[in-house]
Amino acid sequence: MNETIERLNQLYRKRIKEGLAPEEVTEEEELRKKYLAGIRGQVEQSLSNIEIVDDKGNIISRKDHDNHHHEHCHGEGCGCKDHKH
């Protein structure tokens, strides 16, 4: 990840100073995608380690909590596209 960030910084400085060649623009776009995918993966991993405690003190998984919350707020099988199932 550090190499990706360093290269993105190099391309950014070059873009500001003199502009990028078409192949460098493509490289920059691919590196950004790679960087963002890595960040998303880190966030998802962190969120997957969260334990939720219900009102009775039971520890439940985040996935179970999200499904229960969705059904409670929207009804089972609501077809809502705002939440992941």
C-alpha atoms as a PDB file:
ATOM      1  CA  MET A   1       0.000   0.000   0.000  1.00  0.00           C
ATOM      2  CA  ASN A   2       2.856   2.407   0.774  1.00  0.00           C
ATOM      3  CA  GLU A   3       4.273   1.945  -2.728  1.00  0.00           C
ATOM      4  CA  THR A   4       0.863   2.736  -4.215  1.00  0.00           C
ATOM      5  CA  ILE A   5       0.545   5.904  -2.144  1.00  0.00           C
ATOM      6  CA  GLU A   6       4.071   7.007  -3.027  1.00  0.00           C
ATOM      7  CA  ARG A   7       3.440   6.498  -6.746  1.00  0.00           C
ATOM      8  CA  LEU A   8       0.114   8.342  -6.541  1.00  0.00           C
ATOM      9  CA  ASN A   9       1.908  11.235  -4.861  1.00  0.00           C
ATOM     10  CA  GLN A  10       4.578  11.251  -7.574  1.00  0.00           C
ATOM     11  CA  LEU A  11       1.932  11.336 -10.287  1.00  0.00           C
ATOM     12  CA  TYR A  12       0.041  14.086  -8.463  1.00  0.00           C
ATOM     13  CA  ARG A  13       3.161  16.266  -8.233  1.00  0.00           C
ATOM     14  CA  LYS A  14       3.910  15.656 -11.906  1.00  0.00           C
ATOM     15  CA  ARG A  15       0.283  16.413 -12.876  1.00  0.00           C
ATOM     16  CA  ILE A  16       0.512  19.782 -11.106  1.00  0.00           C
ATOM     17  CA  LYS A  17       3.995  20.640 -12.376  1.00  0.00           C
ATOM     18  CA  GLU A  18       3.945  19.555 -16.012  1.00  0.00           C
ATOM     19  CA  GLY A  19       0.932  17.356 -16.721  1.00  0.00           C
ATOM     20  CA  LEU A  20       0.668  13.620 -17.301  1.00  0.00           C
ATOM     21  CA  ALA A  21       1.050  11.526 -20.423  1.00  0.00           C
ATOM     22  CA  PRO A  22      -2.054   9.475 -21.353  1.00  0.00           C
ATOM     23  CA  GLU A  23      -0.487   6.258 -20.027  1.00  0.00           C
ATOM     24  CA  GLU A  24       0.265   7.994 -16.716  1.00  0.00           C
ATOM     25  CA  VAL A  25      -3.355   9.136 -16.454  1.00  0.00           C
ATOM     26  CA  THR A  26      -4.412   5.502 -16.921  1.00  0.00           C
ATOM     27  CA  GLU A  27      -1.853   4.354 -14.333  1.00  0.00           C
ATOM     28  CA  GLU A  28      -3.104   6.981 -11.879  1.00  0.00           C
ATOM     29  CA  GLU A  29      -6.722   5.844 -12.330  1.00  0.00           C
ATOM     30  CA  GLU A  30      -5.777   2.200 -11.734  1.00  0.00           C
ATOM     31  CA  LEU A  31      -3.697   3.070  -8.681  1.00  0.00           C
ATOM     32  CA  ARG A  32      -6.589   5.090  -7.231  1.00  0.00           C
ATOM     33  CA  LYS A  33      -8.917   2.121  -7.708  1.00  0.00           C
ATOM     34  CA  LYS A  34      -6.398  -0.174  -6.035  1.00  0.00           C
ATOM     35  CA  TYR A  35      -5.900   2.263  -3.144  1.00  0.00           C
ATOM     36  CA  LEU A  36      -9.641   2.728  -2.574  1.00  0.00           C
ATOM     37  CA  ALA A  37     -10.261  -1.033  -2.722  1.00  0.00           C
ATOM     38  CA  GLY A  38      -7.619  -1.476  -0.022  1.00  0.00           C
ATOM     39  CA  ILE A  39      -9.211   1.176   2.180  1.00  0.00           C
ATOM     40  CA  ARG A  40     -12.663  -0.343   1.707  1.00  0.00           C
ATOM     41  CA  GLY A  41     -11.275  -3.753   2.639  1.00  0.00           C
ATOM     42  CA  GLN A  42      -9.744  -2.342   5.826  1.00  0.00           C
ATOM     43  CA  VAL A  43     -13.013  -0.659   6.798  1.00  0.00           C
ATOM     44  CA  GLU A  44     -15.049  -3.792   6.087  1.00  0.00           C
ATOM     45  CA  GLN A  45     -12.613  -5.865   8.147  1.00  0.00           C
ATOM     46  CA  SER A  46     -12.854  -3.424  11.044  1.00  0.00           C
ATOM     47  CA  LEU A  47     -16.644  -3.411  10.889  1.00  0.00           C
ATOM     48  CA  SER A  48     -16.819  -7.199  10.759  1.00  0.00           C
ATOM     49  CA  ASN A  49     -15.015  -7.339  14.112  1.00  0.00           C
ATOM     50  CA  ILE A  50     -17.614  -5.209  15.880  1.00  0.00           C
ATOM     51  CA  GLU A  51     -19.790  -6.995  18.404  1.00  0.00           C
ATOM     52  CA  ILE A  52     -23.243  -5.608  19.120  1.00  0.00           C
ATOM     53  CA  VAL A  53     -24.864  -6.131  22.497  1.00  0.00           C
ATOM     54  CA  ASP A  54     -28.665  -6.169  22.538  1.00  0.00           C
ATOM     55  CA  ASP A  55     -30.875  -4.866  25.360  1.00  0.00           C
ATOM     56  CA  LYS A  56     -30.618  -8.206  27.184  1.00  0.00           C
ATOM     57  CA  GLY A  57     -26.821  -8.281  27.074  1.00  0.00           C
ATOM     58  CA  ASN A  58     -26.606 -10.866  24.290  1.00  0.00           C
ATOM     59  CA  ILE A  59     -23.744 -10.451  21.842  1.00  0.00           C
ATOM     60  CA  ILE A  60     -24.959 -10.670  18.260  1.00  0.00           C
ATOM     61  CA  SER A  61     -23.133 -10.434  14.959  1.00  0.00           C
ATOM     62  CA  ARG A  62     -23.295  -7.251  12.935  1.00  0.00           C
ATOM     63  CA  LYS A  63     -24.949  -9.122  10.054  1.00  0.00           C
ATOM     64  CA  ASP A  64     -27.699 -10.495  12.308  1.00  0.00           C
ATOM     65  CA  HIS A  65     -28.192  -7.037  13.804  1.00  0.00           C
ATOM     66  CA  ASP A  66     -28.427  -5.384  10.370  1.00  0.00           C
ATOM     67  CA  ASN A  67     -30.987  -7.952   9.170  1.00  0.00           C
ATOM     68  CA  HIS A  68     -33.083  -7.567  12.335  1.00  0.00           C
ATOM     69  CA  HIS A  69     -32.941  -3.767  12.152  1.00  0.00           C
ATOM     70  CA  HIS A  70     -33.961  -3.777   8.482  1.00  0.00           C
ATOM     71  CA  GLU A  71     -36.929  -6.088   9.060  1.00  0.00           C
ATOM     72  CA  HIS A  72     -38.006  -4.056  12.094  1.00  0.00           C
ATOM     73  CA  CYS A  73     -37.863  -0.735  10.223  1.00  0.00           C
ATOM     74  CA  HIS A  74     -38.988  -1.808   6.753  1.00  0.00           C
ATOM     75  CA  GLY A  75     -40.832  -5.094   7.130  1.00  0.00           C
ATOM     76  CA  GLU A  76     -39.705  -8.479   5.899  1.00  0.00           C
ATOM     77  CA  GLY A  77     -39.229  -8.679   2.142  1.00  0.00           C
ATOM     78  CA  CYS A  78     -39.779  -4.952   1.614  1.00  0.00           C
ATOM     79  CA  GLY A  79     -37.560  -4.900  -1.476  1.00  0.00           C
ATOM     80  CA  CYS A  80     -35.634  -1.953  -0.108  1.00  0.00           C
ATOM     81  CA  LYS A  81     -32.436  -1.333  -2.074  1.00  0.00           C
ATOM     82  CA  ASP A  82     -30.962   1.000   0.558  1.00  0.00           C
ATOM     83  CA  HIS A  83     -29.568  -1.874   2.630  1.00  0.00           C
ATOM     84  CA  LYS A  84     -27.396  -4.863   1.874  1.00  0.00           C
ATOM     85  CA  HIS A  85     -29.008  -8.198   2.658  1.00  0.00           C
END
